[in-house]
Structures are given as structure tokens and as C-alpha cells.
Protein backbone atom coordinates (compact mmCIF):
# COMPACT_ATOMS: atom_id res chain seq x y z
CA UNK A 1 47.52 -19.23 -19.93
CA UNK A 2 44.48 -21.36 -18.86
CA UNK A 3 43.36 -18.17 -16.70
CA UNK A 4 43.85 -15.59 -19.55
CA UNK A 5 41.61 -17.56 -21.95
CA UNK A 6 38.86 -17.91 -19.19
CA UNK A 7 39.12 -13.93 -19.22
CA UNK A 8 38.35 -14.19 -23.12
CA UNK A 9 34.52 -13.41 -23.85
CA UNK A 10 33.01 -14.03 -27.49
CA UNK A 11 31.17 -11.39 -29.07
CA UNK A 12 27.88 -12.85 -28.19
CA UNK A 13 28.45 -12.85 -24.54
CA UNK A 14 29.62 -9.21 -24.61
CA UNK A 15 26.43 -8.74 -26.29
CA UNK A 16 24.38 -10.56 -23.86
CA UNK A 17 25.67 -8.95 -21.09
CA UNK A 18 25.51 -5.36 -22.16
CA UNK A 19 21.62 -6.09 -22.96
CA UNK A 20 21.60 -7.52 -19.21
CA UNK A 21 23.03 -4.69 -18.18
CA UNK A 22 20.99 -2.54 -20.25
CA UNK A 23 17.73 -4.35 -18.92
CA UNK A 24 19.04 -4.20 -15.19
CA UNK A 25 19.61 -0.46 -15.43
CA UNK A 26 16.23 0.04 -17.12
CA UNK A 27 14.27 -1.71 -14.13
CA UNK A 28 16.36 0.01 -11.70
CA UNK A 29 15.45 3.35 -12.70
CA UNK A 30 11.80 2.30 -12.98
CA UNK A 31 11.51 0.88 -9.57
CA UNK A 32 13.23 4.40 -8.22
CA UNK A 33 10.57 6.20 -9.82
CA UNK A 34 7.65 4.08 -8.83
CA UNK A 35 8.96 4.04 -5.25
CA UNK A 36 9.39 8.11 -5.42
CA UNK A 37 5.53 8.58 -6.64
CA UNK A 38 4.35 6.57 -4.06
CA UNK A 39 5.33 8.93 -1.51
CA UNK A 40 5.38 5.99 1.47
CA UNK A 41 5.56 7.19 4.61
CA UNK A 42 8.32 4.82 5.50
CA UNK A 43 11.00 3.17 3.36
CA UNK A 44 10.13 -0.23 4.71
CA UNK A 45 10.64 -3.75 3.24
CA UNK A 46 9.50 -7.03 3.92
CA UNK A 47 12.58 -8.21 5.28
CA UNK A 48 12.64 -5.61 8.12
CA UNK A 49 9.29 -6.92 9.45
CA UNK A 50 9.73 -8.11 13.15
CA UNK A 51 7.70 -11.55 13.79
CA UNK A 52 9.03 -11.95 17.16
CA UNK A 53 6.90 -9.91 19.07
CA UNK A 54 3.94 -11.56 19.85
CA UNK A 55 1.50 -9.30 18.02
CA UNK A 56 -0.90 -10.91 15.48
CA UNK A 57 1.53 -10.67 12.58
CA UNK A 58 1.21 -14.13 10.63
CA UNK A 59 4.44 -14.99 9.10
CA UNK A 60 3.05 -17.33 6.67
CA UNK A 61 0.22 -14.76 5.74
CA UNK A 62 2.51 -12.44 4.95
CA UNK A 63 4.74 -14.45 2.78
CA UNK A 64 1.43 -15.12 0.97
CA UNK A 65 0.85 -11.44 0.38
CA UNK A 66 4.51 -11.24 -0.50
CA UNK A 67 3.60 -12.49 -4.15
CA UNK A 68 1.17 -10.00 -4.55
CA UNK A 69 -1.69 -12.33 -6.25
CA UNK A 70 -4.06 -9.95 -3.88
CA UNK A 71 -3.44 -7.48 -6.45
CA UNK A 72 -3.84 -9.48 -9.28
CA UNK A 73 -7.06 -10.89 -7.82
CA UNK A 74 -8.24 -7.02 -7.19
CA UNK A 75 -8.04 -7.64 -3.57
CA UNK A 76 -7.85 -5.41 -0.37
CA UNK A 77 -6.25 -5.67 2.94
CA UNK A 78 -7.42 -4.14 5.92
CA UNK A 79 -4.47 -3.61 8.81
CA UNK A 80 -5.75 -2.55 12.15
CA UNK A 81 -4.42 -2.45 15.80
CA UNK A 82 -3.55 0.28 18.58
CA UNK A 83 -1.12 3.40 17.81
CA UNK A 84 2.48 2.36 17.62
CA UNK A 85 2.10 -1.39 16.39
CA UNK A 86 3.70 -1.03 12.81
CA UNK A 87 0.46 -0.62 11.04
CA UNK A 88 2.01 2.36 8.66
CA UNK A 89 5.37 0.32 8.34
CA UNK A 90 3.47 -2.65 7.42
CA UNK A 91 1.32 -0.88 4.71
CA UNK A 92 4.82 0.87 3.51
CA UNK A 93 6.46 -2.44 3.41
CA UNK A 94 3.53 -4.07 1.13
CA UNK A 95 3.52 -1.03 -0.76
CA UNK A 96 7.29 -1.44 -1.47
CA UNK A 97 6.94 -4.75 -2.52
CA UNK A 98 4.10 -4.15 -4.97
CA UNK A 99 6.66 -1.19 -6.46
CA UNK A 100 9.36 -4.12 -7.02
CA UNK A 101 6.85 -6.16 -8.82
CA UNK A 102 6.06 -3.33 -11.33
CA UNK A 103 2.85 -1.97 -9.89
CA UNK A 104 1.57 1.59 -9.72
CA UNK A 105 1.25 2.77 -5.72
CA UNK A 106 0.24 5.75 -3.93
CA UNK A 107 0.12 5.96 -0.49
CA UNK A 108 -2.08 9.02 1.19
CA UNK A 109 -3.13 10.11 4.90
CA UNK A 110 -6.70 9.85 5.43
CA UNK A 111 -7.40 12.98 6.48
CA UNK A 112 -4.76 14.89 4.20
CA UNK A 113 -6.25 13.14 1.25
CA UNK A 114 -10.11 14.38 2.12
CA UNK A 115 -8.51 17.87 2.91
CA UNK A 116 -6.36 18.01 -0.53
CA UNK A 117 -9.69 16.67 -2.31
CA UNK A 118 -11.89 19.21 -0.62
CA UNK A 119 -9.55 21.80 -2.09
CA UNK A 120 -9.47 20.24 -5.64
CA UNK A 121 -13.75 20.29 -5.81
CA UNK A 122 -13.03 24.31 -5.14
CA UNK A 123 -10.71 24.97 -7.63
CA UNK A 124 -12.00 22.53 -10.51
CA UNK A 125 -9.09 20.25 -10.50
CA UNK A 126 -11.31 17.17 -8.42
CA UNK A 127 -11.79 14.90 -11.44
CA UNK A 128 -8.37 14.94 -12.57
CA UNK A 129 -7.39 13.87 -8.96
CA UNK A 130 -10.06 11.57 -8.65
CA UNK A 131 -8.39 9.65 -12.01
CA UNK A 132 -4.94 10.04 -11.02
CA UNK A 133 -5.73 8.05 -7.66
CA UNK A 134 -7.97 5.54 -9.84
CA UNK A 135 -5.19 4.87 -12.28
CA UNK A 136 -2.85 3.32 -9.44
CA UNK A 137 -2.86 -0.19 -9.20
CA UNK A 138 -2.66 0.16 -5.44
CA UNK A 139 -3.74 2.74 -3.10
CA UNK A 140 -2.61 2.65 0.54
CA UNK A 141 -4.84 4.76 2.86
CA UNK A 142 -3.11 5.42 6.49
CA UNK A 143 -4.96 6.34 9.54
CA UNK A 144 -8.75 6.06 8.40
CA UNK A 145 -11.28 6.70 11.04
CA UNK A 146 -9.29 8.59 13.42
CA UNK A 147 -12.77 10.88 13.81
CA UNK A 148 -16.14 10.92 12.40
CA UNK A 149 -16.31 11.37 8.66
CA UNK A 150 -18.72 14.34 7.53
CA UNK A 151 -20.85 13.83 4.63
CA UNK A 152 -18.13 15.27 2.12
CA UNK A 153 -15.56 12.97 2.98
CA UNK A 154 -18.10 10.10 2.75
CA UNK A 155 -19.07 11.06 -0.77
CA UNK A 156 -15.36 11.04 -1.47
CA UNK A 157 -14.55 7.61 0.17
CA UNK A 158 -17.43 6.02 -1.76
CA UNK A 159 -16.34 7.36 -4.86
CA UNK A 160 -13.04 6.09 -4.74
CA UNK A 161 -14.11 2.90 -3.76
CA UNK A 162 -16.82 2.75 -6.21
CA UNK A 163 -14.04 3.35 -8.89
CA UNK A 164 -11.66 0.40 -7.65
CA UNK A 165 -13.71 -2.28 -6.74
CA UNK A 166 -13.21 -4.96 -8.53
CA UNK A 167 -10.61 -3.27 -10.31
CA UNK A 168 -7.86 -2.12 -8.23
CA UNK A 169 -6.50 -2.66 -5.02
CA UNK A 170 -6.98 -1.02 -2.00
CA UNK A 171 -4.88 -0.91 1.77
CA UNK A 172 -6.16 0.71 4.68
CA UNK A 173 -4.77 0.99 8.26
CA UNK A 174 -6.96 2.05 10.90
CA UNK A 175 -6.34 2.14 15.10
CA UNK A 176 -10.42 1.20 15.24
CA UNK A 177 -11.69 -2.51 14.33
CA UNK A 178 -13.98 -2.81 11.74
CA UNK A 179 -16.80 -3.16 13.42
CA UNK A 180 -16.57 -0.07 14.61
CA UNK A 181 -16.45 1.72 11.07
CA UNK A 182 -19.82 1.66 10.55
CA UNK A 183 -20.57 4.28 13.17
CA UNK A 184 -17.63 6.54 12.27
CA UNK A 185 -18.59 6.74 8.44
CA UNK A 186 -22.21 7.70 9.56
CA UNK A 187 -24.73 7.77 7.11
CA UNK A 188 -26.20 3.81 6.95
CA UNK A 189 -26.98 3.64 3.12
CA UNK A 190 -23.38 5.24 2.52
CA UNK A 191 -21.89 3.01 5.31
CA UNK A 192 -23.40 -0.04 4.23
CA UNK A 193 -21.77 0.53 0.20
CA UNK A 194 -18.35 1.51 1.47
CA UNK A 195 -17.98 -1.49 3.44
CA UNK A 196 -19.72 -4.08 0.85
CA UNK A 197 -16.81 -2.67 -1.47
CA UNK A 198 -14.31 -2.83 1.04
CA UNK A 199 -14.62 -5.69 3.65
CA UNK A 200 -15.75 -8.64 1.97
CA UNK A 201 -12.91 -8.70 -0.43
CA UNK A 202 -10.32 -7.93 2.03
CA UNK A 203 -7.41 -9.81 3.71
CA UNK A 204 -7.40 -8.91 7.85
CA UNK A 205 -4.46 -8.42 9.68
CA UNK A 206 -5.06 -7.38 13.22
CA UNK A 207 -2.27 -6.04 15.22
CA UNK A 208 -1.95 -6.27 18.91
CA UNK A 209 0.49 -6.33 21.79
CA UNK A 210 3.05 -3.72 23.02
CA UNK A 211 3.71 -0.77 21.06
CA UNK A 212 6.84 -1.39 18.58
CA UNK A 213 7.83 2.47 19.24
CA UNK A 214 8.15 1.86 22.66
CA UNK A 215 10.19 -1.24 22.18
CA UNK A 216 12.79 0.15 19.82
CA UNK A 217 12.98 3.02 21.79
CA UNK A 218 13.82 1.08 24.99
CA UNK A 219 16.47 -1.12 22.93
């Protein structure tokens, strides 16, 4: 008898349960939309990060970044290191964490983005594409500075960062250390402007050590 009474719910309890279930369903559907629209390179989460390898990944720093307070503060993250160290995976994980907290994120390969925006200039959709990127709470630019920027690319990058400076956050991953970016960007005046808007308000993560791809391939 006691067991059967425990299973009886009041009308208020049933309504509360249904409201909670509806809220959970809406949140899950919204999260799914945010992740789909972001187009992440990897389906990565913060829980999957490997802190065991000696590669310069500070767990305390990552845990602080998990709060996404850096997005609230309109700050940036710069992730550098040689190929295979997990820069793109880490950027994807941080992007997923941002989606979990309701932020709009877009993940773009730098070279492909420059090519797409160059085409957009030719077909008249450039302003629309730039505005779409500007509205994102977090822009992730992967594989920056693989080769020197041309004048068109410099101007596009400056416009993007100018629009986002003090308003939105950006993550940039690069194989090159930041002190090499000035030469890769080229034109001194534009390079100064880009680095001023990006570097001074950034959290820095410098990865090093053995390639993570090689490590997991051998295991």
C-alpha cells in the first residue's frame, strides 16, 4: 500500500513534470541547432581533452575557460602549436562548450573563408556574409597564417576583427607563434591594426610536445 501511494502524483506535480520535460526538450533542440549551424571540424567536448601529455595544456586555465566568462567579457583565445597537437580539437571543444551555454558559434577554416568571401565580393553577397559572421557570439578561425596574406585577405581579416572588437569573441588557431604573424600578415599598418585588435585582449594557449595524432595512432 505504501509503495502504491508513493507512485501517486498530485496535479501540481504532474504539471511541474510536464513543464520541465517541455523546457528540457526545447533546450536540447536549441543546442542541436546551435551545434549544427556552427559546423565544427570535430565533435569534441571539454571532457575529452587529454591533460596527461606534456603539451602545455593547463587544466586550471581550461577549467576557467569552460565558464565562458571570456565570451561575456568579449575576449579572444589564441591557440598555437605545431601540426597534430590538437589545436582544432581544442577549439572545437571550446566552441561546443559555448553552444552548451547558449552562444551562437561559427567555425571557419581560414583559407576557405577567405576564398568564400572573395567570391561573395564578386557576386554581391559580401555584406550579407560579413553581417552573418558579425552576429555570431564566437567566431573560430582555424589554421590561420598557413601562408602569407594577400591584400584582399588582409582587408577582409581587418574588417572582421574591427566589427567584432569589443563586441564579440574570436578563437584563432595557428601553427605559427604569434611573434611570426606580423610578417605573415604583411603591410605594416594593417598588421599593427589586426594584432592590436586581436592579441591584446586574448587568452593564450601554446601547445607543444608530441603529435597527438601520432600518439593515438600508435595506441
